Amino acid sequence: MPQIKKSHEIEKIKQACRITDNIFTKMRKFLDSSLCSEWLIITEKQLETWLLAKIKQAGCTPSFHPIIAAWPNAAHPHWKADDTPLQWFVVIDFGVVYQGYMSDMTRTIYVSAGWQTKSWKPKFTGLSNKERQFYNLVLRAQLDSMAYIMPGRYCKDAHWVAATTLGEYNKCFIHSLGHGIGTIIHEHPRISPKGRWYFKKNMCITVEPGVYIEGNLGIRIEDTCLVTEVACIPLTKSTKKLLYF
C-alpha cells in the first residue's frame, strides 16, 4: 500500500532534506574554489569521496550510494563514479538518512572546460544556448508534473505530463517519474506509466524526470516532495537554476 506519512515522519523527512540542501550548498563552494585552480582536476570519484565525508560529518548516513556522472557517463541513470574528470553536464544524485527517514535529490550542473592542465585538455569550452534550452526542457517537465500532482490524481498521469512536456525527447526518458520515500528509498507509490496508484495527502514522493542520450549526455532534476491537500511541495530546496562552474 502507498505510504501515508504522519506529522512526525514528515518532520524527519524535512530535516533530512534540509541537511541535503546544506551539503549541496557546501558542494557548490567546494567546486567554485577547486575548479578555479589551474592545476586541479576533480573527478567523479573524488567528488563522491568528498560528498560521503560531508554526509558523515553531518551525523548522517547516505540513503543510497551517491551517483556522480559526468558527460557520457550521465547517460546511465545509476552510474558508479570512476576517474572521469567533471566536465560538461554532471549529474549529482544523493540523499541522507536522518533518524531513519530519507531524502533524495538530484541536480545537474555544468562544468566548463576553461580549466585544463598540461597533461589533460577537456573537450568542452562553454555552455551553448542549445544546451541551456535542453536543461530548461527537463526542468519544465519537472515543474509541469509537480503542478499536476494532487490528491486523487493517478500517478501514471503525472508521468505522462512530464513525457508530454519533453516532446520528441520523451523516448530518452527511460525510467519512471518518481517513487515514494520514507524509511526506505523506494516505497509505494511508483510514479510510472503503468502505475496503478493515485496520490494521497501526506505522501512523500520524488519527482525526477530525466533525459539520457547514450554516448552523449544525461540530465536529471529531482526533488523530495510532500503531497498536500491541494499541491505537491518540494522539500529539497536547492536552486534549480543551471549552475555553471
Protein backbone atom coordinates (compact mmCIF):
# COMPACT_ATOMS: atom_id res chain seq x y z
CA MET A 1 0.00 0.00 0.00
CA PRO A 2 1.13 3.59 -0.57
CA GLN A 3 2.79 5.05 2.50
CA ILE A 4 0.88 7.91 4.14
CA LYS A 5 3.17 9.79 6.50
CA LYS A 6 2.31 11.02 9.98
CA SER A 7 3.32 14.51 11.06
CA HIS A 8 6.41 13.39 13.00
CA GLU A 9 7.56 11.35 9.99
CA ILE A 10 7.16 14.33 7.68
CA GLU A 11 9.25 16.46 10.04
CA LYS A 12 12.09 13.94 9.94
CA ILE A 13 11.98 13.80 6.15
CA LYS A 14 12.01 17.60 6.06
CA GLN A 15 15.09 17.64 8.27
CA ALA A 16 16.80 15.08 6.04
CA CYS A 17 16.06 17.41 3.12
CA ARG A 18 17.46 20.43 4.98
CA ILE A 19 20.70 18.55 5.61
CA THR A 20 20.83 17.55 1.94
CA ASP A 21 20.39 21.17 0.86
CA ASN A 22 23.10 22.30 3.28
CA ILE A 23 25.56 19.74 1.92
CA PHE A 24 24.79 20.81 -1.64
CA THR A 25 25.50 24.43 -0.69
CA LYS A 26 28.89 23.35 0.66
CA MET A 27 29.49 21.38 -2.52
CA ARG A 28 28.90 24.48 -4.64
CA LYS A 29 31.55 26.35 -2.65
CA PHE A 30 33.94 23.41 -2.92
CA LEU A 31 33.54 23.24 -6.70
CA ASP A 32 33.79 27.02 -7.07
CA SER A 33 37.15 27.08 -5.30
CA SER A 34 38.54 23.80 -6.65
CA LEU A 35 37.72 24.21 -10.32
CA CYS A 36 39.26 27.67 -10.37
CA SER A 37 42.64 26.10 -9.69
CA GLU A 38 44.62 25.76 -12.92
CA TRP A 39 46.31 22.58 -11.73
CA LEU A 40 43.46 20.76 -10.08
CA ILE A 41 41.13 18.31 -11.83
CA ILE A 42 38.15 16.98 -9.90
CA THR A 43 36.98 13.51 -10.90
CA GLU A 44 33.67 11.77 -10.28
CA LYS A 45 35.29 9.55 -7.66
CA GLN A 46 36.91 12.47 -5.85
CA LEU A 47 33.60 14.33 -5.61
CA GLU A 48 31.90 11.16 -4.40
CA THR A 49 34.53 10.79 -1.64
CA TRP A 50 34.07 14.43 -0.64
CA LEU A 51 30.30 14.02 -0.55
CA LEU A 52 30.37 10.88 1.59
CA ALA A 53 32.67 12.66 4.06
CA LYS A 54 30.27 15.61 4.36
CA ILE A 55 27.31 13.28 4.95
CA LYS A 56 29.25 11.61 7.75
CA GLN A 57 30.23 14.98 9.23
CA ALA A 58 26.53 15.89 9.33
CA GLY A 59 25.93 12.87 11.56
CA CYS A 60 24.02 11.01 8.86
CA THR A 61 24.46 8.06 6.53
CA PRO A 62 23.71 8.05 2.79
CA SER A 63 20.19 6.98 1.87
CA PHE A 64 21.82 5.24 -1.14
CA HIS A 65 25.25 5.27 -2.74
CA PRO A 66 25.66 8.71 -4.37
CA ILE A 67 25.64 8.98 -8.14
CA ILE A 68 28.19 11.31 -9.72
CA ALA A 69 28.14 11.06 -13.52
CA ALA A 70 29.89 13.37 -15.97
CA TRP A 71 29.48 13.82 -19.73
CA PRO A 72 28.69 10.45 -21.44
CA ASN A 73 28.51 8.64 -18.10
CA ALA A 74 25.48 10.76 -17.20
CA ALA A 75 23.52 8.86 -19.84
CA HIS A 76 23.45 5.95 -17.34
CA PRO A 77 20.95 6.75 -14.55
CA HIS A 78 22.71 4.52 -11.99
CA TRP A 79 26.31 5.20 -12.95
CA LYS A 80 29.06 4.23 -10.48
CA ALA A 81 31.64 7.01 -10.19
CA ASP A 82 35.06 6.46 -11.74
CA ASP A 83 38.08 8.60 -12.61
CA THR A 84 36.30 10.61 -15.32
CA PRO A 85 37.00 14.35 -14.80
CA LEU A 86 33.99 16.54 -14.14
CA GLN A 87 33.05 18.21 -17.40
CA TRP A 88 30.01 19.30 -19.38
CA PHE A 89 26.71 18.19 -17.78
CA VAL A 90 27.32 16.41 -14.46
CA VAL A 91 24.50 14.57 -12.67
CA ILE A 92 24.75 14.60 -8.86
CA ASP A 93 22.21 12.38 -7.07
CA PHE A 94 22.35 11.82 -3.31
CA GLY A 95 20.40 11.80 -0.07
CA VAL A 96 20.81 11.27 3.66
CA VAL A 97 19.18 9.26 6.43
CA TYR A 98 18.05 11.31 9.43
CA GLN A 99 16.65 9.34 12.38
CA GLY A 100 15.64 6.56 10.00
CA TYR A 101 13.99 8.78 7.34
CA MET A 102 15.44 9.60 3.94
CA SER A 103 15.89 12.34 1.40
CA ASP A 104 16.68 12.07 -2.32
CA MET A 105 17.76 14.94 -4.55
CA THR A 106 19.38 15.27 -7.98
CA ARG A 107 20.89 18.35 -9.52
CA THR A 108 22.62 18.56 -12.89
CA ILE A 109 25.40 21.14 -13.09
CA TYR A 110 27.55 22.32 -15.98
CA VAL A 111 31.34 22.27 -15.75
CA SER A 112 33.11 24.39 -18.34
CA ALA A 113 36.32 23.24 -19.94
CA GLY A 114 38.00 26.58 -19.47
CA TRP A 115 40.29 24.89 -16.96
CA GLN A 116 42.90 22.36 -18.03
CA THR A 117 46.34 21.01 -17.15
CA LYS A 118 49.48 20.29 -19.16
CA SER A 119 48.52 16.62 -19.35
CA TRP A 120 44.79 16.88 -19.99
CA LYS A 121 42.70 19.11 -22.19
CA PRO A 122 38.93 18.81 -21.89
CA LYS A 123 36.57 18.60 -24.82
CA PHE A 124 34.02 21.31 -23.99
CA THR A 125 34.72 25.02 -23.73
CA GLY A 126 31.45 26.65 -22.78
CA LEU A 127 27.69 26.45 -22.43
CA SER A 128 25.71 26.98 -25.63
CA ASN A 129 22.18 28.32 -25.91
CA LYS A 130 21.04 24.92 -27.18
CA GLU A 131 22.48 23.17 -24.13
CA ARG A 132 20.80 25.66 -21.80
CA GLN A 133 17.48 25.14 -23.61
CA PHE A 134 17.88 21.39 -23.24
CA TYR A 135 18.40 21.72 -19.49
CA ASN A 136 15.40 24.04 -19.23
CA LEU A 137 13.24 21.49 -21.05
CA VAL A 138 13.94 18.88 -18.35
CA LEU A 139 13.28 21.46 -15.65
CA ARG A 140 9.97 22.38 -17.29
CA ALA A 141 8.99 18.69 -17.36
CA GLN A 142 9.58 18.50 -13.62
CA LEU A 143 7.66 21.69 -12.86
CA ASP A 144 4.72 20.69 -15.08
CA SER A 145 4.42 17.26 -13.48
CA MET A 146 4.68 18.71 -9.97
CA ALA A 147 1.95 21.21 -10.82
CA TYR A 148 -0.30 18.31 -11.86
CA ILE A 149 0.17 16.25 -8.70
CA MET A 150 -2.51 16.48 -6.03
CA PRO A 151 -4.65 14.01 -4.05
CA GLY A 152 -6.97 11.87 -6.16
CA ARG A 153 -4.98 12.06 -9.38
CA TYR A 154 -3.32 8.98 -10.82
CA CYS A 155 0.44 8.58 -10.59
CA LYS A 156 0.71 7.31 -14.16
CA ASP A 157 -0.85 10.53 -15.45
CA ALA A 158 1.85 12.63 -13.73
CA HIS A 159 4.46 10.61 -15.59
CA TRP A 160 2.74 11.31 -18.91
CA VAL A 161 2.58 15.04 -18.13
CA ALA A 162 6.39 15.05 -17.90
CA ALA A 163 6.74 12.90 -21.01
CA THR A 164 4.44 15.21 -22.98
CA THR A 165 6.48 18.26 -21.98
CA LEU A 166 9.66 16.52 -23.16
CA GLY A 167 8.12 16.15 -26.61
CA GLU A 168 10.45 14.43 -29.07
CA TYR A 169 12.85 13.62 -26.21
CA ASN A 170 10.31 11.57 -24.26
CA LYS A 171 11.82 8.43 -25.81
CA CYS A 172 15.00 9.32 -23.90
CA PHE A 173 13.09 9.40 -20.60
CA ILE A 174 13.94 5.82 -19.63
CA HIS A 175 12.71 5.49 -16.05
CA SER A 176 9.62 6.31 -14.05
CA LEU A 177 8.91 9.86 -12.92
CA GLY A 178 9.38 9.04 -9.26
CA HIS A 179 8.60 6.93 -6.22
CA GLY A 180 7.53 7.08 -2.62
CA ILE A 181 10.20 7.73 0.01
CA GLY A 182 10.37 7.28 3.76
CA THR A 183 12.25 4.72 5.83
CA ILE A 184 13.36 3.05 2.60
CA ILE A 185 14.49 4.82 -0.54
CA HIS A 186 11.86 3.30 -2.87
CA GLU A 187 8.37 2.96 -1.39
CA HIS A 188 4.95 2.93 -2.99
CA PRO A 189 3.62 4.66 -4.93
CA ARG A 190 5.61 4.10 -8.07
CA ILE A 191 5.01 7.05 -10.35
CA SER A 192 5.31 5.17 -13.62
CA PRO A 193 3.40 4.88 -16.92
CA LYS A 194 1.69 1.69 -15.74
CA GLY A 195 1.36 2.52 -12.05
CA ARG A 196 -2.00 1.65 -10.51
CA TRP A 197 -1.70 4.04 -7.55
CA TYR A 198 -3.09 7.50 -7.05
CA PHE A 199 -1.80 10.36 -4.94
CA LYS A 200 -2.98 10.89 -1.38
CA LYS A 201 -2.43 13.65 1.15
CA ASN A 202 0.79 13.29 3.18
CA MET A 203 2.55 11.02 0.75
CA CYS A 204 6.25 11.82 0.44
CA ILE A 205 7.48 11.22 -3.09
CA THR A 206 10.26 12.05 -5.51
CA VAL A 207 9.73 13.78 -8.85
CA GLU A 208 12.69 13.17 -11.16
CA PRO A 209 12.33 13.45 -14.92
CA GLY A 210 15.45 12.86 -16.95
CA VAL A 211 16.72 12.65 -20.50
CA TYR A 212 19.55 10.28 -21.43
CA ILE A 213 21.33 10.15 -24.79
CA GLU A 214 23.79 7.26 -24.98
CA GLY A 215 27.37 8.33 -25.59
CA ASN A 216 26.42 11.98 -25.25
CA LEU A 217 24.76 13.30 -22.09
CA GLY A 218 22.26 12.89 -19.30
CA ILE A 219 20.23 15.49 -17.42
CA ARG A 220 18.08 14.72 -14.38
CA ILE A 221 16.42 17.04 -11.85
CA GLU A 222 14.86 15.56 -8.72
CA ASP A 223 13.24 16.73 -5.51
CA THR A 224 11.77 15.00 -2.50
CA CYS A 225 8.23 16.35 -2.25
CA LEU A 226 5.20 16.33 0.03
CA VAL A 227 1.69 15.88 -1.36
CA THR A 228 -0.60 18.30 0.49
CA GLU A 229 -4.36 18.77 0.22
CA VAL A 230 -4.01 20.81 -2.95
CA ALA A 231 -0.43 20.63 -4.24
CA CYS A 232 2.95 18.94 -4.49
CA ILE A 233 5.50 20.87 -2.43
CA PRO A 234 9.26 20.32 -2.84
CA LEU A 235 11.05 19.66 0.45
CA THR A 236 14.52 19.83 -1.11
CA LYS A 237 15.01 23.48 -1.94
CA SER A 238 18.44 23.76 -3.56
CA THR A 239 18.39 26.03 -6.59
CA LYS A 240 17.42 24.51 -9.92
CA LYS A 241 18.95 27.33 -11.87
CA LEU A 242 21.64 25.76 -14.04
CA LEU A 243 24.87 26.15 -12.09
CA TYR A 244 27.94 26.83 -14.21
CA PHE A 245 31.46 26.13 -12.96
